[in-house]
Amino acid sequence: AGQTYATHVSGQTLWISAVTSAGGFGPVHGGGSAGNALGEFKGGPVVAGRIAANGGVGYMVRSFSGDLKINWDYLIWGTVEETLSAVLSAKDQGQIVAVGATGLKSHGGADAVIVRLTPTGELIADHAYGGSGHDYAHDIAHADNGGFLVAGTTFSFGAGSSDGWLLRLDKDGKLLWQRPIGGAKVDGFSAVAPHGSGYVLGGYTTNEGNASQDAWLVGV
């Protein structure tokens, strides 16, 4: 209790540090790299990301106790596209939900993926979304009336070579709707968060501003 967690990757090692409410350091874990998407579930951190070992590539979710002992791993080996970018604890569902990209269920190139796990790391379901190009999910948030909003980048839909991409999913991961947002050039979303009565999407654009690439905030 009274701890928050931070991660960073150095080489092929994932480091997780516990920081106490008084500003001191608690336990530190160093282990095989699994990316640095960080969430919390039942008093301990959950990390998700990409893992490369023994010539293979995959995505991984790892659950820890509050003192940074490993509870379980969920690991899928696949293609060079496999990665997880964000992870959260699903409200009132007892689930861990992660999003990223996969080439295992491809509609064409990489597809966005959502992975839903039980509290003990067993797969409930995984779903892929995308078109004929490469498509990526980078962040996930709870929707006000249940389900999830996913922010990402699409090379399959929209007006430009890439566009910001917003997906609305129900609580079981079924796609309710999707919306590409952007101009004729290059755009993408990397984050989504509640803001007031709606949501704000953060990312990058080459369609607005004065630089070759600008930070981009969109309210929905």
C-alpha atoms as a PDB file:
ATOM      1  CA  ALA A   1       0.000   0.000   0.000  1.00  0.00           C
ATOM      2  CA  GLY A   2       1.141   3.539  -0.614  1.00  0.00           C
ATOM      3  CA  GLN A   3       3.374   2.594  -3.538  1.00  0.00           C
ATOM      4  CA  THR A   4       3.436   3.612  -7.178  1.00  0.00           C
ATOM      5  CA  TYR A   5       5.459   1.907  -9.885  1.00  0.00           C
ATOM      6  CA  ALA A   6       7.775   2.978 -12.705  1.00  0.00           C
ATOM      7  CA  THR A   7       9.432   1.047 -15.521  1.00  0.00           C
ATOM      8  CA  HIS A   8      12.271   1.440 -17.962  1.00  0.00           C
ATOM      9  CA  VAL A   9      14.077  -0.861 -20.384  1.00  0.00           C
ATOM     10  CA  SER A  10      17.877  -0.986 -20.549  1.00  0.00           C
ATOM     11  CA  GLY A  11      19.220  -3.230 -23.283  1.00  0.00           C
ATOM     12  CA  GLN A  12      17.197  -6.431 -22.987  1.00  0.00           C
ATOM     13  CA  THR A  13      16.343  -5.941 -19.298  1.00  0.00           C
ATOM     14  CA  LEU A  14      13.056  -4.600 -17.984  1.00  0.00           C
ATOM     15  CA  TRP A  15      13.396  -2.744 -14.673  1.00  0.00           C
ATOM     16  CA  ILE A  16      10.433  -2.033 -12.407  1.00  0.00           C
ATOM     17  CA  SER A  17      10.812   0.182  -9.344  1.00  0.00           C
ATOM     18  CA  ALA A  18       8.366   0.671  -6.491  1.00  0.00           C
ATOM     19  CA  VAL A  19       8.248   4.203  -5.094  1.00  0.00           C
ATOM     20  CA  THR A  20       6.763   4.702  -1.627  1.00  0.00           C
ATOM     21  CA  SER A  21       4.397   7.505  -0.656  1.00  0.00           C
ATOM     22  CA  ALA A  22       7.273   9.103   1.282  1.00  0.00           C
ATOM     23  CA  GLY A  23       9.420   9.282  -1.848  1.00  0.00           C
ATOM     24  CA  GLY A  24      11.716   6.371  -1.061  1.00  0.00           C
ATOM     25  CA  PHE A  25      12.364   3.330  -3.213  1.00  0.00           C
ATOM     26  CA  GLY A  26      10.772   0.005  -2.467  1.00  0.00           C
ATOM     27  CA  PRO A  27      11.528  -3.291  -4.246  1.00  0.00           C
ATOM     28  CA  VAL A  28      13.189  -3.303  -7.686  1.00  0.00           C
ATOM     29  CA  HIS A  29      12.753  -6.045 -10.286  1.00  0.00           C
ATOM     30  CA  GLY A  30      15.053  -6.652 -13.261  1.00  0.00           C
ATOM     31  CA  GLY A  31      14.228  -9.334 -15.817  1.00  0.00           C
ATOM     32  CA  GLY A  32      13.727 -10.219 -19.475  1.00  0.00           C
ATOM     33  CA  SER A  33      12.477  -7.305 -21.520  1.00  0.00           C
ATOM     34  CA  ALA A  34       8.710  -7.243 -22.025  1.00  0.00           C
ATOM     35  CA  GLY A  35       8.264  -3.583 -22.939  1.00  0.00           C
ATOM     36  CA  ASN A  36       7.218  -0.887 -20.526  1.00  0.00           C
ATOM     37  CA  ALA A  37       3.432  -0.520 -20.829  1.00  0.00           C
ATOM     38  CA  LEU A  38       2.431  -0.302 -17.168  1.00  0.00           C
ATOM     39  CA  GLY A  39      -0.848  -0.840 -15.339  1.00  0.00           C
ATOM     40  CA  GLU A  40      -1.946  -2.010 -11.913  1.00  0.00           C
ATOM     41  CA  PHE A  41      -4.132  -4.933 -10.880  1.00  0.00           C
ATOM     42  CA  LYS A  42      -5.105  -5.962  -7.341  1.00  0.00           C
ATOM     43  CA  GLY A  43      -2.266  -4.145  -5.620  1.00  0.00           C
ATOM     44  CA  GLY A  44       0.581  -5.018  -7.962  1.00  0.00           C
ATOM     45  CA  PRO A  45       1.931  -3.776 -11.301  1.00  0.00           C
ATOM     46  CA  VAL A  46       1.173  -5.378 -14.664  1.00  0.00           C
ATOM     47  CA  VAL A  47       3.514  -4.768 -17.594  1.00  0.00           C
ATOM     48  CA  ALA A  48       2.995  -5.538 -21.260  1.00  0.00           C
ATOM     49  CA  GLY A  49       5.056  -5.201 -24.385  1.00  0.00           C
ATOM     50  CA  ARG A  50       7.289  -6.947 -26.885  1.00  0.00           C
ATOM     51  CA  ILE A  51       9.767  -9.713 -26.109  1.00  0.00           C
ATOM     52  CA  ALA A  52      12.601 -11.069 -28.242  1.00  0.00           C
ATOM     53  CA  ALA A  53      14.530 -14.172 -27.190  1.00  0.00           C
ATOM     54  CA  ASN A  54      16.236 -17.166 -28.800  1.00  0.00           C
ATOM     55  CA  GLY A  55      15.512 -15.872 -32.286  1.00  0.00           C
ATOM     56  CA  GLY A  56      11.786 -15.470 -31.646  1.00  0.00           C
ATOM     57  CA  VAL A  57       9.556 -12.422 -31.247  1.00  0.00           C
ATOM     58  CA  GLY A  58       6.278 -12.156 -29.367  1.00  0.00           C
ATOM     59  CA  TYR A  59       4.148 -10.125 -27.008  1.00  0.00           C
ATOM     60  CA  MET A  60       3.889 -10.621 -23.283  1.00  0.00           C
ATOM     61  CA  VAL A  61       1.852  -9.616 -20.231  1.00  0.00           C
ATOM     62  CA  ARG A  62       3.467 -10.100 -16.820  1.00  0.00           C
ATOM     63  CA  SER A  63       1.704  -9.718 -13.466  1.00  0.00           C
ATOM     64  CA  PHE A  64       3.535  -8.922 -10.233  1.00  0.00           C
ATOM     65  CA  SER A  65       2.648  -8.874  -6.570  1.00  0.00           C
ATOM     66  CA  GLY A  66       3.030  -5.631  -4.620  1.00  0.00           C
ATOM     67  CA  ASP A  67       6.587  -6.605  -3.630  1.00  0.00           C
ATOM     68  CA  LEU A  68       7.464  -7.289  -7.306  1.00  0.00           C
ATOM     69  CA  LYS A  69       7.413 -11.070  -7.262  1.00  0.00           C
ATOM     70  CA  ILE A  70       6.170 -12.536 -10.543  1.00  0.00           C
ATOM     71  CA  ASN A  71       2.632 -13.937 -10.335  1.00  0.00           C
ATOM     72  CA  TRP A  72       2.338 -15.154 -13.946  1.00  0.00           C
ATOM     73  CA  ASP A  73       3.277 -14.534 -17.579  1.00  0.00           C
ATOM     74  CA  TYR A  74       1.094 -14.615 -20.670  1.00  0.00           C
ATOM     75  CA  LEU A  75       3.256 -14.986 -23.779  1.00  0.00           C
ATOM     76  CA  ILE A  76       2.468 -15.384 -27.481  1.00  0.00           C
ATOM     77  CA  TRP A  77       5.231 -15.972 -30.020  1.00  0.00           C
ATOM     78  CA  GLY A  78       4.494 -14.691 -33.510  1.00  0.00           C
ATOM     79  CA  THR A  79       5.756 -12.365 -36.200  1.00  0.00           C
ATOM     80  CA  VAL A  80       7.971  -9.283 -36.132  1.00  0.00           C
ATOM     81  CA  GLU A  81       4.766  -7.236 -35.729  1.00  0.00           C
ATOM     82  CA  GLU A  82       3.940  -8.570 -32.262  1.00  0.00           C
ATOM     83  CA  THR A  83       3.868  -5.915 -29.536  1.00  0.00           C
ATOM     84  CA  LEU A  84       1.638  -4.596 -26.765  1.00  0.00           C
ATOM     85  CA  SER A  85       1.552  -0.843 -26.148  1.00  0.00           C
ATOM     86  CA  ALA A  86      -0.894  -0.300 -23.272  1.00  0.00           C
ATOM     87  CA  VAL A  87      -2.509  -2.295 -20.469  1.00  0.00           C
ATOM     88  CA  LEU A  88      -5.294  -1.582 -17.972  1.00  0.00           C
ATOM     89  CA  SER A  89      -7.547  -3.235 -15.433  1.00  0.00           C
ATOM     90  CA  ALA A  90     -11.103  -3.513 -16.786  1.00  0.00           C
ATOM     91  CA  LYS A  91     -13.605  -1.854 -14.455  1.00  0.00           C
ATOM     92  CA  ASP A  92     -15.964  -4.256 -12.661  1.00  0.00           C
ATOM     93  CA  GLN A  93     -14.977  -7.133 -14.936  1.00  0.00           C
ATOM     94  CA  GLY A  94     -12.002  -8.695 -13.184  1.00  0.00           C
ATOM     95  CA  GLN A  95     -10.007  -8.599 -16.407  1.00  0.00           C
ATOM     96  CA  ILE A  96      -6.653  -7.342 -17.606  1.00  0.00           C
ATOM     97  CA  VAL A  97      -6.880  -5.789 -21.068  1.00  0.00           C
ATOM     98  CA  ALA A  98      -3.917  -4.969 -23.320  1.00  0.00           C
ATOM     99  CA  VAL A  99      -3.705  -3.502 -26.824  1.00  0.00           C
ATOM    100  CA  GLY A 100      -1.007  -3.437 -29.483  1.00  0.00           C
ATOM    101  CA  ALA A 101      -0.346  -5.045 -32.843  1.00  0.00           C
ATOM    102  CA  THR A 102      -0.143  -8.539 -34.307  1.00  0.00           C
ATOM    103  CA  GLY A 103       0.636 -10.243 -37.578  1.00  0.00           C
ATOM    104  CA  LEU A 104      -0.916 -13.557 -36.527  1.00  0.00           C
ATOM    105  CA  LYS A 105      -4.487 -12.663 -37.513  1.00  0.00           C
ATOM    106  CA  SER A 106      -3.630 -10.277 -40.286  1.00  0.00           C
ATOM    107  CA  HIS A 107      -6.143  -8.723 -42.628  1.00  0.00           C
ATOM    108  CA  GLY A 108      -3.072  -7.264 -44.352  1.00  0.00           C
ATOM    109  CA  GLY A 109       0.243  -6.331 -42.737  1.00  0.00           C
ATOM    110  CA  ALA A 110      -0.021  -5.661 -39.011  1.00  0.00           C
ATOM    111  CA  ASP A 111      -3.412  -5.433 -37.307  1.00  0.00           C
ATOM    112  CA  ALA A 112      -4.427  -3.763 -34.074  1.00  0.00           C
ATOM    113  CA  VAL A 113      -5.063  -6.328 -31.350  1.00  0.00           C
ATOM    114  CA  ILE A 114      -6.855  -6.390 -27.983  1.00  0.00           C
ATOM    115  CA  VAL A 115      -6.029  -9.182 -25.525  1.00  0.00           C
ATOM    116  CA  ARG A 116      -8.330  -9.907 -22.567  1.00  0.00           C
ATOM    117  CA  LEU A 117      -6.989 -12.013 -19.673  1.00  0.00           C
ATOM    118  CA  THR A 118      -8.365 -13.401 -16.422  1.00  0.00           C
ATOM    119  CA  PRO A 119      -6.821 -12.334 -13.068  1.00  0.00           C
ATOM    120  CA  THR A 120      -4.671 -15.493 -13.266  1.00  0.00           C
ATOM    121  CA  GLY A 121      -3.365 -14.802 -16.780  1.00  0.00           C
ATOM    122  CA  GLU A 122      -5.589 -17.115 -18.804  1.00  0.00           C
ATOM    123  CA  LEU A 123      -6.814 -15.919 -22.191  1.00  0.00           C
ATOM    124  CA  ILE A 124     -10.463 -14.877 -22.362  1.00  0.00           C
ATOM    125  CA  ALA A 125     -10.308 -13.690 -25.974  1.00  0.00           C
ATOM    126  CA  ASP A 126      -8.173 -11.766 -28.421  1.00  0.00           C
ATOM    127  CA  HIS A 127      -9.442  -9.764 -31.398  1.00  0.00           C
ATOM    128  CA  ALA A 128      -7.688  -8.167 -34.362  1.00  0.00           C
ATOM    129  CA  TYR A 129      -8.869  -5.099 -36.268  1.00  0.00           C
ATOM    130  CA  GLY A 130      -7.619  -3.571 -39.480  1.00  0.00           C
ATOM    131  CA  GLY A 131      -7.646  -3.392 -43.240  1.00  0.00           C
ATOM    132  CA  SER A 132      -5.325  -4.097 -46.133  1.00  0.00           C
ATOM    133  CA  GLY A 133      -2.464  -1.956 -44.752  1.00  0.00           C
ATOM    134  CA  HIS A 134      -0.649  -1.785 -41.420  1.00  0.00           C
ATOM    135  CA  ASP A 135      -2.768  -0.773 -38.415  1.00  0.00           C
ATOM    136  CA  TYR A 136      -1.690  -0.259 -34.803  1.00  0.00           C
ATOM    137  CA  ALA A 137      -3.364   0.231 -31.404  1.00  0.00           C
ATOM    138  CA  HIS A 138      -1.306   2.398 -29.026  1.00  0.00           C
ATOM    139  CA  ASP A 139      -3.551   3.195 -26.039  1.00  0.00           C
ATOM    140  CA  ILE A 140      -6.850   2.212 -24.416  1.00  0.00           C
ATOM    141  CA  ALA A 141      -9.307   3.881 -22.020  1.00  0.00           C
ATOM    142  CA  HIS A 142     -12.631   2.986 -20.441  1.00  0.00           C
ATOM    143  CA  ALA A 143     -15.676   4.335 -22.275  1.00  0.00           C
ATOM    144  CA  ASP A 144     -18.273   6.126 -20.134  1.00  0.00           C
ATOM    145  CA  ASN A 145     -21.089   3.678 -20.855  1.00  0.00           C
ATOM    146  CA  GLY A 146     -19.029   0.500 -20.796  1.00  0.00           C
ATOM    147  CA  GLY A 147     -16.480  -0.986 -23.122  1.00  0.00           C
ATOM    148  CA  PHE A 148     -13.342   0.725 -24.371  1.00  0.00           C
ATOM    149  CA  LEU A 149     -11.927   3.433 -26.592  1.00  0.00           C
ATOM    150  CA  VAL A 150      -8.715   2.572 -28.434  1.00  0.00           C
ATOM    151  CA  ALA A 151      -6.370   5.101 -30.036  1.00  0.00           C
ATOM    152  CA  GLY A 152      -3.924   4.192 -32.763  1.00  0.00           C
ATOM    153  CA  THR A 153      -2.640   4.723 -36.266  1.00  0.00           C
ATOM    154  CA  THR A 154      -4.075   3.305 -39.487  1.00  0.00           C
ATOM    155  CA  PHE A 155      -2.536   2.902 -42.917  1.00  0.00           C
ATOM    156  CA  SER A 156      -5.722   1.211 -44.199  1.00  0.00           C
ATOM    157  CA  PHE A 157      -8.424   3.837 -43.709  1.00  0.00           C
ATOM    158  CA  GLY A 158      -8.721   7.610 -44.041  1.00  0.00           C
ATOM    159  CA  ALA A 159      -7.453  10.413 -46.240  1.00  0.00           C
ATOM    160  CA  GLY A 160      -3.674  10.347 -45.795  1.00  0.00           C
ATOM    161  CA  SER A 161      -0.763   7.955 -45.981  1.00  0.00           C
ATOM    162  CA  SER A 162      -1.583   7.357 -42.309  1.00  0.00           C
ATOM    163  CA  ASP A 163      -4.337   8.700 -40.073  1.00  0.00           C
ATOM    164  CA  GLY A 164      -5.161   8.852 -36.410  1.00  0.00           C
ATOM    165  CA  TRP A 165      -7.505   6.012 -35.602  1.00  0.00           C
ATOM    166  CA  LEU A 166     -10.220   5.812 -32.931  1.00  0.00           C
ATOM    167  CA  LEU A 167     -12.033   2.539 -32.226  1.00  0.00           C
ATOM    168  CA  ARG A 168     -15.027   1.969 -29.969  1.00  0.00           C
ATOM    169  CA  LEU A 169     -15.291  -1.551 -28.540  1.00  0.00           C
ATOM    170  CA  ASP A 170     -17.872  -3.161 -26.299  1.00  0.00           C
ATOM    171  CA  LYS A 171     -16.853  -4.886 -23.052  1.00  0.00           C
ATOM    172  CA  ASP A 172     -16.174  -8.131 -24.924  1.00  0.00           C
ATOM    173  CA  GLY A 173     -13.908  -6.501 -27.505  1.00  0.00           C
ATOM    174  CA  LYS A 174     -16.468  -6.410 -30.336  1.00  0.00           C
ATOM    175  CA  LEU A 175     -15.912  -3.496 -32.701  1.00  0.00           C
ATOM    176  CA  LEU A 176     -18.859  -1.081 -32.539  1.00  0.00           C
ATOM    177  CA  TRP A 177     -17.375   1.590 -34.800  1.00  0.00           C
ATOM    178  CA  GLN A 178     -14.091   3.018 -35.996  1.00  0.00           C
ATOM    179  CA  ARG A 179     -13.112   6.477 -37.184  1.00  0.00           C
ATOM    180  CA  PRO A 180      -9.975   7.607 -39.044  1.00  0.00           C
ATOM    181  CA  ILE A 181      -9.059  11.226 -38.306  1.00  0.00           C
ATOM    182  CA  GLY A 182      -6.537  13.223 -40.280  1.00  0.00           C
ATOM    183  CA  GLY A 183      -5.580  15.048 -43.451  1.00  0.00           C
ATOM    184  CA  ALA A 184      -3.815  14.234 -46.693  1.00  0.00           C
ATOM    185  CA  LYS A 185      -0.384  13.665 -45.125  1.00  0.00           C
ATOM    186  CA  VAL A 186       0.773  11.726 -42.040  1.00  0.00           C
ATOM    187  CA  ASP A 187      -1.153  11.577 -38.755  1.00  0.00           C
ATOM    188  CA  GLY A 188      -1.375   9.196 -35.829  1.00  0.00           C
ATOM    189  CA  PHE A 189      -2.659   8.876 -32.258  1.00  0.00           C
ATOM    190  CA  SER A 190      -0.563   7.552 -29.390  1.00  0.00           C
ATOM    191  CA  ALA A 191      -2.822   8.239 -26.385  1.00  0.00           C
ATOM    192  CA  VAL A 192      -6.456   8.575 -25.302  1.00  0.00           C
ATOM    193  CA  ALA A 193      -7.742   9.836 -21.933  1.00  0.00           C
ATOM    194  CA  PRO A 194     -11.004  11.081 -20.389  1.00  0.00           C
ATOM    195  CA  HIS A 195     -11.393  14.858 -20.454  1.00  0.00           C
ATOM    196  CA  GLY A 196     -14.465  16.608 -19.064  1.00  0.00           C
ATOM    197  CA  SER A 197     -17.550  14.997 -20.577  1.00  0.00           C
ATOM    198  CA  GLY A 198     -15.549  13.513 -23.469  1.00  0.00           C
ATOM    199  CA  TYR A 199     -12.080  12.343 -24.373  1.00  0.00           C
ATOM    200  CA  VAL A 200      -8.852  13.813 -25.683  1.00  0.00           C
ATOM    201  CA  LEU A 201      -6.618  12.077 -28.209  1.00  0.00           C
ATOM    202  CA  GLY A 202      -2.901  12.855 -28.383  1.00  0.00           C
ATOM    203  CA  GLY A 203      -0.545  12.170 -31.237  1.00  0.00           C
ATOM    204  CA  TYR A 204       1.319  13.755 -34.142  1.00  0.00           C
ATOM    205  CA  THR A 205       0.454  15.409 -37.454  1.00  0.00           C
ATOM    206  CA  THR A 206       2.193  16.747 -40.542  1.00  0.00           C
ATOM    207  CA  ASN A 207      -1.004  18.428 -41.754  1.00  0.00           C
ATOM    208  CA  GLU A 208      -1.097  21.343 -39.325  1.00  0.00           C
ATOM    209  CA  GLY A 209       1.412  23.629 -37.601  1.00  0.00           C
ATOM    210  CA  ASN A 210       4.748  24.999 -38.716  1.00  0.00           C
ATOM    211  CA  ALA A 211       7.139  22.107 -38.177  1.00  0.00           C
ATOM    212  CA  SER A 212       7.669  19.009 -40.280  1.00  0.00           C
ATOM    213  CA  GLN A 213       5.799  17.146 -37.541  1.00  0.00           C
ATOM    214  CA  ASP A 214       3.717  18.661 -34.745  1.00  0.00           C
ATOM    215  CA  ALA A 215       2.125  17.461 -31.532  1.00  0.00           C
ATOM    216  CA  TRP A 216      -1.600  17.001 -32.047  1.00  0.00           C
ATOM    217  CA  LEU A 217      -4.527  17.081 -29.613  1.00  0.00           C
ATOM    218  CA  VAL A 218      -8.075  16.225 -30.709  1.00  0.00           C
ATOM    219  CA  GLY A 219     -11.186  16.382 -28.507  1.00  0.00           C
ATOM    220  CA  VAL A 220     -14.034  13.954 -29.058  1.00  0.00           C
END
